[in-house]
Amino acid sequence: PIHKRFYHTSELHSELIAVPCSPPPTQAFATSGQSKLMALTSVRPAFHAMSADLRRGGPSASAPRPSRASLRVRAAIASEAPVAAMSKASPGPTVYSKLDRAHTLTPERMELINGMADFAEERILPVLQPVEKLWQPQDMLPDPESEDFLDQVAELRARSEGVPDAYYVVLVGDMITEEALPTYMAMLNTLDGVRDETGAADHPWGRWTRQWVAEENRHGDLLNKYCWLTGRVNMKAIEVTIQNLI
């Protein structure tokens, strides 16, 4: 069948457009980069017509099937286009298949990010303090190991009664965004130039992401425990909101 000669099939068969070449597109993305991406784009309209023919069971009179030689020539021409032609960033990532990762950062911007590595190492990482120098949520809350723990909680609740509702609106909004740190870390790790692909990347951006998330996590912990102890807010509704956000 034609698709066995020309196409790398996938669940996104109608969108992943392969070119008659070896290695197949999945390998081509890994080995040839942006020029191959342009080659795939150049033969997409022709493939759509042939794919439609296959689904209908025969060729379409209005869309004649290109020859193999024609596809090869068009792909070869596209593959010779300069990389600079790809410099215009797309509005967002395009997913070609579960195996291929689309990179939307232009070469110029990738060079800029890579060039800031020393700046991140020398000026950004030092802003994050060592764990030993940071306050922890428990420093601000009643001590559960203390014999007068319940008295401390009662005192906290008494003080919280005088706090206006508007303040709790702000505290709850802040807490929800703080608790969604897994979302922010996941998004940072999708970005070219700064992603931490192993969870232990040693480059400055990877270390900053991990340390920043760990440091910010304290804020959500403190607000969550404080709001729970006051009894002033609907904690279950907050927890549902946090889970939905993440």
C-alpha atoms as a PDB file:
ATOM      1  CA  PRO A   1       0.000   0.000   0.000  1.00  0.00           C
ATOM      2  CA  ILE A   2       1.066   3.565  -0.625  1.00  0.00           C
ATOM      3  CA  HIS A   3       1.157   4.496   3.041  1.00  0.00           C
ATOM      4  CA  LYS A   4       3.683   1.726   3.707  1.00  0.00           C
ATOM      5  CA  ARG A   5       6.008   3.132   1.056  1.00  0.00           C
ATOM      6  CA  PHE A   6       5.640   6.797   1.869  1.00  0.00           C
ATOM      7  CA  TYR A   7       4.336   7.413   5.318  1.00  0.00           C
ATOM      8  CA  HIS A   8       5.209   6.870   8.944  1.00  0.00           C
ATOM      9  CA  THR A   9       1.747   6.113  10.302  1.00  0.00           C
ATOM     10  CA  SER A  10       0.587   7.217  13.733  1.00  0.00           C
ATOM     11  CA  GLU A  11      -2.572   8.096  15.623  1.00  0.00           C
ATOM     12  CA  LEU A  12      -2.283  11.523  14.015  1.00  0.00           C
ATOM     13  CA  HIS A  13      -2.118  10.009  10.503  1.00  0.00           C
ATOM     14  CA  SER A  14      -3.921  12.916   8.866  1.00  0.00           C
ATOM     15  CA  GLU A  15      -1.599  15.474  10.477  1.00  0.00           C
ATOM     16  CA  LEU A  16       1.836  13.819  10.558  1.00  0.00           C
ATOM     17  CA  ILE A  17       3.011  14.221   6.973  1.00  0.00           C
ATOM     18  CA  ALA A  18       5.976  12.034   6.069  1.00  0.00           C
ATOM     19  CA  VAL A  19       8.303  12.493   3.151  1.00  0.00           C
ATOM     20  CA  PRO A  20       9.526   9.588   0.942  1.00  0.00           C
ATOM     21  CA  CYS A  21      12.923   9.362   2.556  1.00  0.00           C
ATOM     22  CA  SER A  22      14.963   7.231   4.901  1.00  0.00           C
ATOM     23  CA  PRO A  23      15.107   7.405   7.901  1.00  0.00           C
ATOM     24  CA  PRO A  24      11.381   7.847   8.570  1.00  0.00           C
ATOM     25  CA  PRO A  25      10.103  11.205   9.937  1.00  0.00           C
ATOM     26  CA  THR A  26      10.497  10.279  13.611  1.00  0.00           C
ATOM     27  CA  GLN A  27      14.215   9.755  13.053  1.00  0.00           C
ATOM     28  CA  ALA A  28      14.444  12.637  10.599  1.00  0.00           C
ATOM     29  CA  PHE A  29      13.298  15.084  13.261  1.00  0.00           C
ATOM     30  CA  ALA A  30      16.019  13.867  15.608  1.00  0.00           C
ATOM     31  CA  THR A  31      18.793  13.883  12.988  1.00  0.00           C
ATOM     32  CA  SER A  32      18.050  16.607  10.478  1.00  0.00           C
ATOM     33  CA  GLY A  33      16.273  19.268  12.497  1.00  0.00           C
ATOM     34  CA  GLN A  34      14.506  22.247  11.031  1.00  0.00           C
ATOM     35  CA  SER A  35      15.296  21.589   7.362  1.00  0.00           C
ATOM     36  CA  LYS A  36      13.418  18.297   7.544  1.00  0.00           C
ATOM     37  CA  LEU A  37      10.518  20.054   9.235  1.00  0.00           C
ATOM     38  CA  MET A  38      10.326  22.361   6.229  1.00  0.00           C
ATOM     39  CA  ALA A  39      10.425  19.348   3.927  1.00  0.00           C
ATOM     40  CA  LEU A  40       7.517  17.776   5.749  1.00  0.00           C
ATOM     41  CA  THR A  41       5.553  21.007   5.516  1.00  0.00           C
ATOM     42  CA  SER A  42       6.161  21.274   1.772  1.00  0.00           C
ATOM     43  CA  VAL A  43       4.542  17.928   0.947  1.00  0.00           C
ATOM     44  CA  ARG A  44       1.642  18.228   3.380  1.00  0.00           C
ATOM     45  CA  PRO A  45      -1.014  19.364   0.819  1.00  0.00           C
ATOM     46  CA  ALA A  46      -0.110  16.551  -1.566  1.00  0.00           C
ATOM     47  CA  PHE A  47      -0.252  13.986   1.178  1.00  0.00           C
ATOM     48  CA  HIS A  48      -3.635  15.211   2.372  1.00  0.00           C
ATOM     49  CA  ALA A  49      -5.004  14.592  -1.111  1.00  0.00           C
ATOM     50  CA  MET A  50      -3.507  11.089  -1.266  1.00  0.00           C
ATOM     51  CA  SER A  51      -4.630  10.293   2.263  1.00  0.00           C
ATOM     52  CA  ALA A  52      -8.173  11.263   1.299  1.00  0.00           C
ATOM     53  CA  ASP A  53      -7.910   8.998  -1.765  1.00  0.00           C
ATOM     54  CA  LEU A  54      -6.880   6.069   0.401  1.00  0.00           C
ATOM     55  CA  ARG A  55      -9.807   6.610   2.741  1.00  0.00           C
ATOM     56  CA  ARG A  56     -12.228   6.794  -0.221  1.00  0.00           C
ATOM     57  CA  GLY A  57     -10.689   3.768  -1.870  1.00  0.00           C
ATOM     58  CA  GLY A  58      -9.462   5.424  -5.031  1.00  0.00           C
ATOM     59  CA  PRO A  59      -7.884   8.544  -6.571  1.00  0.00           C
ATOM     60  CA  SER A  60      -9.757  11.809  -6.887  1.00  0.00           C
ATOM     61  CA  ALA A  61     -10.246  13.290 -10.305  1.00  0.00           C
ATOM     62  CA  SER A  62      -9.873  16.812  -8.967  1.00  0.00           C
ATOM     63  CA  ALA A  63      -6.688  16.044  -7.029  1.00  0.00           C
ATOM     64  CA  PRO A  64      -4.356  13.828  -9.114  1.00  0.00           C
ATOM     65  CA  ARG A  65      -1.797  11.862  -7.167  1.00  0.00           C
ATOM     66  CA  PRO A  66       1.752  13.265  -7.430  1.00  0.00           C
ATOM     67  CA  SER A  67       4.471  10.910  -8.530  1.00  0.00           C
ATOM     68  CA  ARG A  68       7.127   9.636  -6.142  1.00  0.00           C
ATOM     69  CA  ALA A  69       9.751  11.587  -8.075  1.00  0.00           C
ATOM     70  CA  SER A  70       7.708  14.775  -7.730  1.00  0.00           C
ATOM     71  CA  LEU A  71       7.488  14.389  -3.976  1.00  0.00           C
ATOM     72  CA  ARG A  72      11.214  13.726  -3.707  1.00  0.00           C
ATOM     73  CA  VAL A  73      12.070  16.853  -5.707  1.00  0.00           C
ATOM     74  CA  ARG A  74       9.759  19.068  -3.673  1.00  0.00           C
ATOM     75  CA  ALA A  75      11.126  17.694  -0.415  1.00  0.00           C
ATOM     76  CA  ALA A  76      14.718  18.152  -1.571  1.00  0.00           C
ATOM     77  CA  ILE A  77      14.090  21.775  -2.549  1.00  0.00           C
ATOM     78  CA  ALA A  78      12.487  22.531   0.794  1.00  0.00           C
ATOM     79  CA  SER A  79      15.290  20.844   2.705  1.00  0.00           C
ATOM     80  CA  GLU A  80      17.830  23.192   1.090  1.00  0.00           C
ATOM     81  CA  ALA A  81      16.069  26.305   2.417  1.00  0.00           C
ATOM     82  CA  PRO A  82      18.250  28.296   4.854  1.00  0.00           C
ATOM     83  CA  VAL A  83      17.635  27.873   8.562  1.00  0.00           C
ATOM     84  CA  ALA A  84      17.054  31.629   8.757  1.00  0.00           C
ATOM     85  CA  ALA A  85      13.716  31.036   7.050  1.00  0.00           C
ATOM     86  CA  MET A  86      12.590  29.316  10.245  1.00  0.00           C
ATOM     87  CA  SER A  87      13.472  32.298  12.414  1.00  0.00           C
ATOM     88  CA  LYS A  88       9.884  33.495  12.745  1.00  0.00           C
ATOM     89  CA  ALA A  89       8.504  31.941  15.923  1.00  0.00           C
ATOM     90  CA  SER A  90       5.185  30.150  15.772  1.00  0.00           C
ATOM     91  CA  PRO A  91       2.402  31.259  18.145  1.00  0.00           C
ATOM     92  CA  GLY A  92       2.722  28.058  20.153  1.00  0.00           C
ATOM     93  CA  PRO A  93       3.963  24.477  20.120  1.00  0.00           C
ATOM     94  CA  THR A  94       2.693  22.179  17.379  1.00  0.00           C
ATOM     95  CA  VAL A  95       2.438  18.494  18.231  1.00  0.00           C
ATOM     96  CA  TYR A  96       3.255  16.229  15.291  1.00  0.00           C
ATOM     97  CA  SER A  97       3.065  12.905  17.089  1.00  0.00           C
ATOM     98  CA  LYS A  98       3.702  11.321  20.452  1.00  0.00           C
ATOM     99  CA  LEU A  99       7.288  10.645  19.381  1.00  0.00           C
ATOM    100  CA  ASP A 100       8.303  13.992  17.893  1.00  0.00           C
ATOM    101  CA  ARG A 101       8.843  17.133  19.955  1.00  0.00           C
ATOM    102  CA  ALA A 102       8.180  20.460  18.272  1.00  0.00           C
ATOM    103  CA  HIS A 103      10.678  23.170  19.200  1.00  0.00           C
ATOM    104  CA  THR A 104       9.334  26.684  18.729  1.00  0.00           C
ATOM    105  CA  LEU A 105      12.270  28.737  20.017  1.00  0.00           C
ATOM    106  CA  THR A 106      14.086  30.359  17.105  1.00  0.00           C
ATOM    107  CA  PRO A 107      17.863  29.889  16.741  1.00  0.00           C
ATOM    108  CA  GLU A 108      18.407  33.548  17.646  1.00  0.00           C
ATOM    109  CA  ARG A 109      16.421  33.254  20.861  1.00  0.00           C
ATOM    110  CA  MET A 110      18.057  29.963  21.771  1.00  0.00           C
ATOM    111  CA  GLU A 111      21.437  31.669  21.398  1.00  0.00           C
ATOM    112  CA  LEU A 112      20.217  34.470  23.675  1.00  0.00           C
ATOM    113  CA  ILE A 113      19.065  32.057  26.399  1.00  0.00           C
ATOM    114  CA  ASN A 114      22.307  30.083  26.210  1.00  0.00           C
ATOM    115  CA  GLY A 115      24.265  33.330  26.423  1.00  0.00           C
ATOM    116  CA  MET A 116      22.548  34.202  29.710  1.00  0.00           C
ATOM    117  CA  ALA A 117      23.797  31.080  31.498  1.00  0.00           C
ATOM    118  CA  ASP A 118      26.626  32.954  33.239  1.00  0.00           C
ATOM    119  CA  PHE A 119      24.235  35.731  34.277  1.00  0.00           C
ATOM    120  CA  ALA A 120      21.866  33.178  35.792  1.00  0.00           C
ATOM    121  CA  GLU A 121      24.730  31.479  37.604  1.00  0.00           C
ATOM    122  CA  GLU A 122      26.201  34.684  39.035  1.00  0.00           C
ATOM    123  CA  ARG A 123      23.173  36.944  39.562  1.00  0.00           C
ATOM    124  CA  ILE A 124      20.002  34.847  39.848  1.00  0.00           C
ATOM    125  CA  LEU A 125      20.976  31.688  41.722  1.00  0.00           C
ATOM    126  CA  PRO A 126      22.526  33.639  44.649  1.00  0.00           C
ATOM    127  CA  VAL A 127      19.128  35.269  45.266  1.00  0.00           C
ATOM    128  CA  LEU A 128      17.871  31.877  46.449  1.00  0.00           C
ATOM    129  CA  GLN A 129      18.962  31.449  50.053  1.00  0.00           C
ATOM    130  CA  PRO A 130      20.255  28.192  51.574  1.00  0.00           C
ATOM    131  CA  VAL A 131      17.586  26.174  53.369  1.00  0.00           C
ATOM    132  CA  GLU A 132      19.301  26.776  56.716  1.00  0.00           C
ATOM    133  CA  LYS A 133      18.753  30.542  56.390  1.00  0.00           C
ATOM    134  CA  LEU A 134      15.078  30.410  55.438  1.00  0.00           C
ATOM    135  CA  TRP A 135      12.066  30.588  57.703  1.00  0.00           C
ATOM    136  CA  GLN A 136       9.741  27.599  57.622  1.00  0.00           C
ATOM    137  CA  PRO A 137       5.942  27.560  58.001  1.00  0.00           C
ATOM    138  CA  GLN A 138       6.181  25.984  61.433  1.00  0.00           C
ATOM    139  CA  ASP A 139       8.076  29.041  62.675  1.00  0.00           C
ATOM    140  CA  MET A 140       4.848  31.047  62.284  1.00  0.00           C
ATOM    141  CA  LEU A 141       2.325  28.512  63.588  1.00  0.00           C
ATOM    142  CA  PRO A 142       1.331  26.900  66.894  1.00  0.00           C
ATOM    143  CA  ASP A 143       3.744  24.143  67.867  1.00  0.00           C
ATOM    144  CA  PRO A 144       1.903  20.786  67.776  1.00  0.00           C
ATOM    145  CA  GLU A 145       4.551  19.262  70.068  1.00  0.00           C
ATOM    146  CA  SER A 146       3.958  21.856  72.749  1.00  0.00           C
ATOM    147  CA  GLU A 147       1.867  21.012  75.803  1.00  0.00           C
ATOM    148  CA  ASP A 148      -0.132  24.207  75.330  1.00  0.00           C
ATOM    149  CA  PHE A 149      -0.736  23.607  71.608  1.00  0.00           C
ATOM    150  CA  LEU A 150      -4.526  23.820  71.980  1.00  0.00           C
ATOM    151  CA  ASP A 151      -4.188  27.093  73.861  1.00  0.00           C
ATOM    152  CA  GLN A 152      -2.039  28.475  71.037  1.00  0.00           C
ATOM    153  CA  VAL A 153      -4.662  27.431  68.501  1.00  0.00           C
ATOM    154  CA  ALA A 154      -7.426  29.061  70.548  1.00  0.00           C
ATOM    155  CA  GLU A 155      -5.416  32.284  70.679  1.00  0.00           C
ATOM    156  CA  LEU A 156      -4.842  32.207  66.919  1.00  0.00           C
ATOM    157  CA  ARG A 157      -8.560  31.676  66.263  1.00  0.00           C
ATOM    158  CA  ALA A 158      -9.473  34.538  68.578  1.00  0.00           C
ATOM    159  CA  ARG A 159      -7.126  36.901  66.739  1.00  0.00           C
ATOM    160  CA  SER A 160      -8.414  35.771  63.339  1.00  0.00           C
ATOM    161  CA  GLU A 161     -11.981  36.760  64.226  1.00  0.00           C
ATOM    162  CA  GLY A 162     -11.020  40.398  63.889  1.00  0.00           C
ATOM    163  CA  VAL A 163      -9.583  39.983  60.380  1.00  0.00           C
ATOM    164  CA  PRO A 164     -11.956  41.357  57.683  1.00  0.00           C
ATOM    165  CA  ASP A 165     -13.354  38.898  55.120  1.00  0.00           C
ATOM    166  CA  ALA A 166     -11.667  40.836  52.316  1.00  0.00           C
ATOM    167  CA  TYR A 167      -8.278  39.873  53.750  1.00  0.00           C
ATOM    168  CA  TYR A 168      -9.180  36.204  53.562  1.00  0.00           C
ATOM    169  CA  VAL A 169     -10.196  36.595  49.937  1.00  0.00           C
ATOM    170  CA  VAL A 170      -6.639  37.744  49.254  1.00  0.00           C
ATOM    171  CA  LEU A 171      -5.068  35.026  51.411  1.00  0.00           C
ATOM    172  CA  VAL A 172      -7.095  32.270  49.748  1.00  0.00           C
ATOM    173  CA  GLY A 173      -6.304  33.560  46.252  1.00  0.00           C
ATOM    174  CA  ASP A 174      -2.613  33.687  47.111  1.00  0.00           C
ATOM    175  CA  MET A 175      -2.681  30.231  48.662  1.00  0.00           C
ATOM    176  CA  ILE A 176      -4.333  28.669  45.612  1.00  0.00           C
ATOM    177  CA  THR A 177      -1.716  30.078  43.263  1.00  0.00           C
ATOM    178  CA  GLU A 178       1.105  29.045  45.597  1.00  0.00           C
ATOM    179  CA  GLU A 179      -0.220  25.493  45.833  1.00  0.00           C
ATOM    180  CA  ALA A 180      -0.249  25.207  42.024  1.00  0.00           C
ATOM    181  CA  LEU A 181       3.559  25.200  41.877  1.00  0.00           C
ATOM    182  CA  PRO A 182       3.623  21.784  40.129  1.00  0.00           C
ATOM    183  CA  THR A 183       1.885  23.439  37.172  1.00  0.00           C
ATOM    184  CA  TYR A 184       4.451  26.228  36.954  1.00  0.00           C
ATOM    185  CA  MET A 185       7.360  23.798  37.169  1.00  0.00           C
ATOM    186  CA  ALA A 186       5.842  21.607  34.471  1.00  0.00           C
ATOM    187  CA  MET A 187       5.407  24.612  32.180  1.00  0.00           C
ATOM    188  CA  LEU A 188       8.970  25.839  32.732  1.00  0.00           C
ATOM    189  CA  ASN A 189      10.235  22.392  31.822  1.00  0.00           C
ATOM    190  CA  THR A 190       8.534  22.544  28.422  1.00  0.00           C
ATOM    191  CA  LEU A 191      10.572  25.569  27.322  1.00  0.00           C
ATOM    192  CA  ASP A 192      13.572  25.284  25.017  1.00  0.00           C
ATOM    193  CA  GLY A 193      16.821  26.371  26.606  1.00  0.00           C
ATOM    194  CA  VAL A 194      15.709  26.134  30.249  1.00  0.00           C
ATOM    195  CA  ARG A 195      13.960  22.773  30.603  1.00  0.00           C
ATOM    196  CA  ASP A 196      15.159  20.223  33.141  1.00  0.00           C
ATOM    197  CA  GLU A 197      14.802  16.951  31.251  1.00  0.00           C
ATOM    198  CA  THR A 198      16.093  14.667  34.012  1.00  0.00           C
ATOM    199  CA  GLY A 199      14.879  16.320  37.200  1.00  0.00           C
ATOM    200  CA  ALA A 200      18.508  16.810  38.197  1.00  0.00           C
ATOM    201  CA  ALA A 201      19.904  18.972  35.380  1.00  0.00           C
ATOM    202  CA  ASP A 202      23.021  20.842  36.476  1.00  0.00           C
ATOM    203  CA  HIS A 203      22.614  23.866  34.196  1.00  0.00           C
ATOM    204  CA  PRO A 204      21.697  27.154  35.959  1.00  0.00           C
ATOM    205  CA  TRP A 205      18.099  27.253  34.738  1.00  0.00           C
ATOM    206  CA  GLY A 206      17.381  23.714  35.896  1.00  0.00           C
ATOM    207  CA  ARG A 207      18.840  24.371  39.347  1.00  0.00           C
ATOM    208  CA  TRP A 208      16.987  27.672  39.636  1.00  0.00           C
ATOM    209  CA  THR A 209      13.644  26.074  38.753  1.00  0.00           C
ATOM    210  CA  ARG A 210      14.003  23.349  41.384  1.00  0.00           C
ATOM    211  CA  GLN A 211      15.235  25.674  44.128  1.00  0.00           C
ATOM    212  CA  TRP A 212      12.650  28.351  43.334  1.00  0.00           C
ATOM    213  CA  VAL A 213       9.786  25.848  43.494  1.00  0.00           C
ATOM    214  CA  ALA A 214      11.092  24.455  46.793  1.00  0.00           C
ATOM    215  CA  GLU A 215      11.418  27.930  48.297  1.00  0.00           C
ATOM    216  CA  GLU A 216       7.988  29.088  47.113  1.00  0.00           C
ATOM    217  CA  ASN A 217       6.381  25.907  48.425  1.00  0.00           C
ATOM    218  CA  ARG A 218       6.752  27.248  51.976  1.00  0.00           C
ATOM    219  CA  HIS A 219       4.330  30.077  51.250  1.00  0.00           C
ATOM    220  CA  GLY A 220       1.517  27.755  50.258  1.00  0.00           C
ATOM    221  CA  ASP A 221       2.171  25.508  53.253  1.00  0.00           C
ATOM    222  CA  LEU A 222       1.944  28.418  55.688  1.00  0.00           C
ATOM    223  CA  LEU A 223      -1.215  29.911  54.198  1.00  0.00           C
ATOM    224  CA  ASN A 224      -2.904  26.514  53.981  1.00  0.00           C
ATOM    225  CA  LYS A 225      -2.242  25.630  57.617  1.00  0.00           C
ATOM    226  CA  TYR A 226      -3.119  29.092  58.879  1.00  0.00           C
ATOM    227  CA  CYS A 227      -6.455  29.193  57.037  1.00  0.00           C
ATOM    228  CA  TRP A 228      -7.260  25.676  58.266  1.00  0.00           C
ATOM    229  CA  LEU A 229      -6.566  26.621  61.888  1.00  0.00           C
ATOM    230  CA  THR A 230      -8.670  29.785  61.764  1.00  0.00           C
ATOM    231  CA  GLY A 231     -11.842  27.992  60.677  1.00  0.00           C
ATOM    232  CA  ARG A 232     -12.764  31.078  58.634  1.00  0.00           C
ATOM    233  CA  VAL A 233     -12.750  29.526  55.155  1.00  0.00           C
ATOM    234  CA  ASN A 234     -14.221  26.526  53.327  1.00  0.00           C
ATOM    235  CA  MET A 235     -11.105  24.368  53.057  1.00  0.00           C
ATOM    236  CA  LYS A 236     -12.683  21.619  50.946  1.00  0.00           C
ATOM    237  CA  ALA A 237     -13.768  24.112  48.290  1.00  0.00           C
ATOM    238  CA  ILE A 238     -10.243  25.517  48.282  1.00  0.00           C
ATOM    239  CA  GLU A 239      -8.725  22.048  47.917  1.00  0.00           C
ATOM    240  CA  VAL A 240     -11.004  21.239  44.978  1.00  0.00           C
ATOM    241  CA  THR A 241      -9.993  24.510  43.319  1.00  0.00           C
ATOM    242  CA  ILE A 242      -6.294  23.764  43.825  1.00  0.00           C
ATOM    243  CA  GLN A 243      -6.610  20.291  42.347  1.00  0.00           C
ATOM    244  CA  ASN A 244      -8.489  21.620  39.330  1.00  0.00           C
ATOM    245  CA  LEU A 245      -5.867  24.313  38.784  1.00  0.00           C
ATOM    246  CA  ILE A 246      -3.003  21.827  38.898  1.00  0.00           C
END
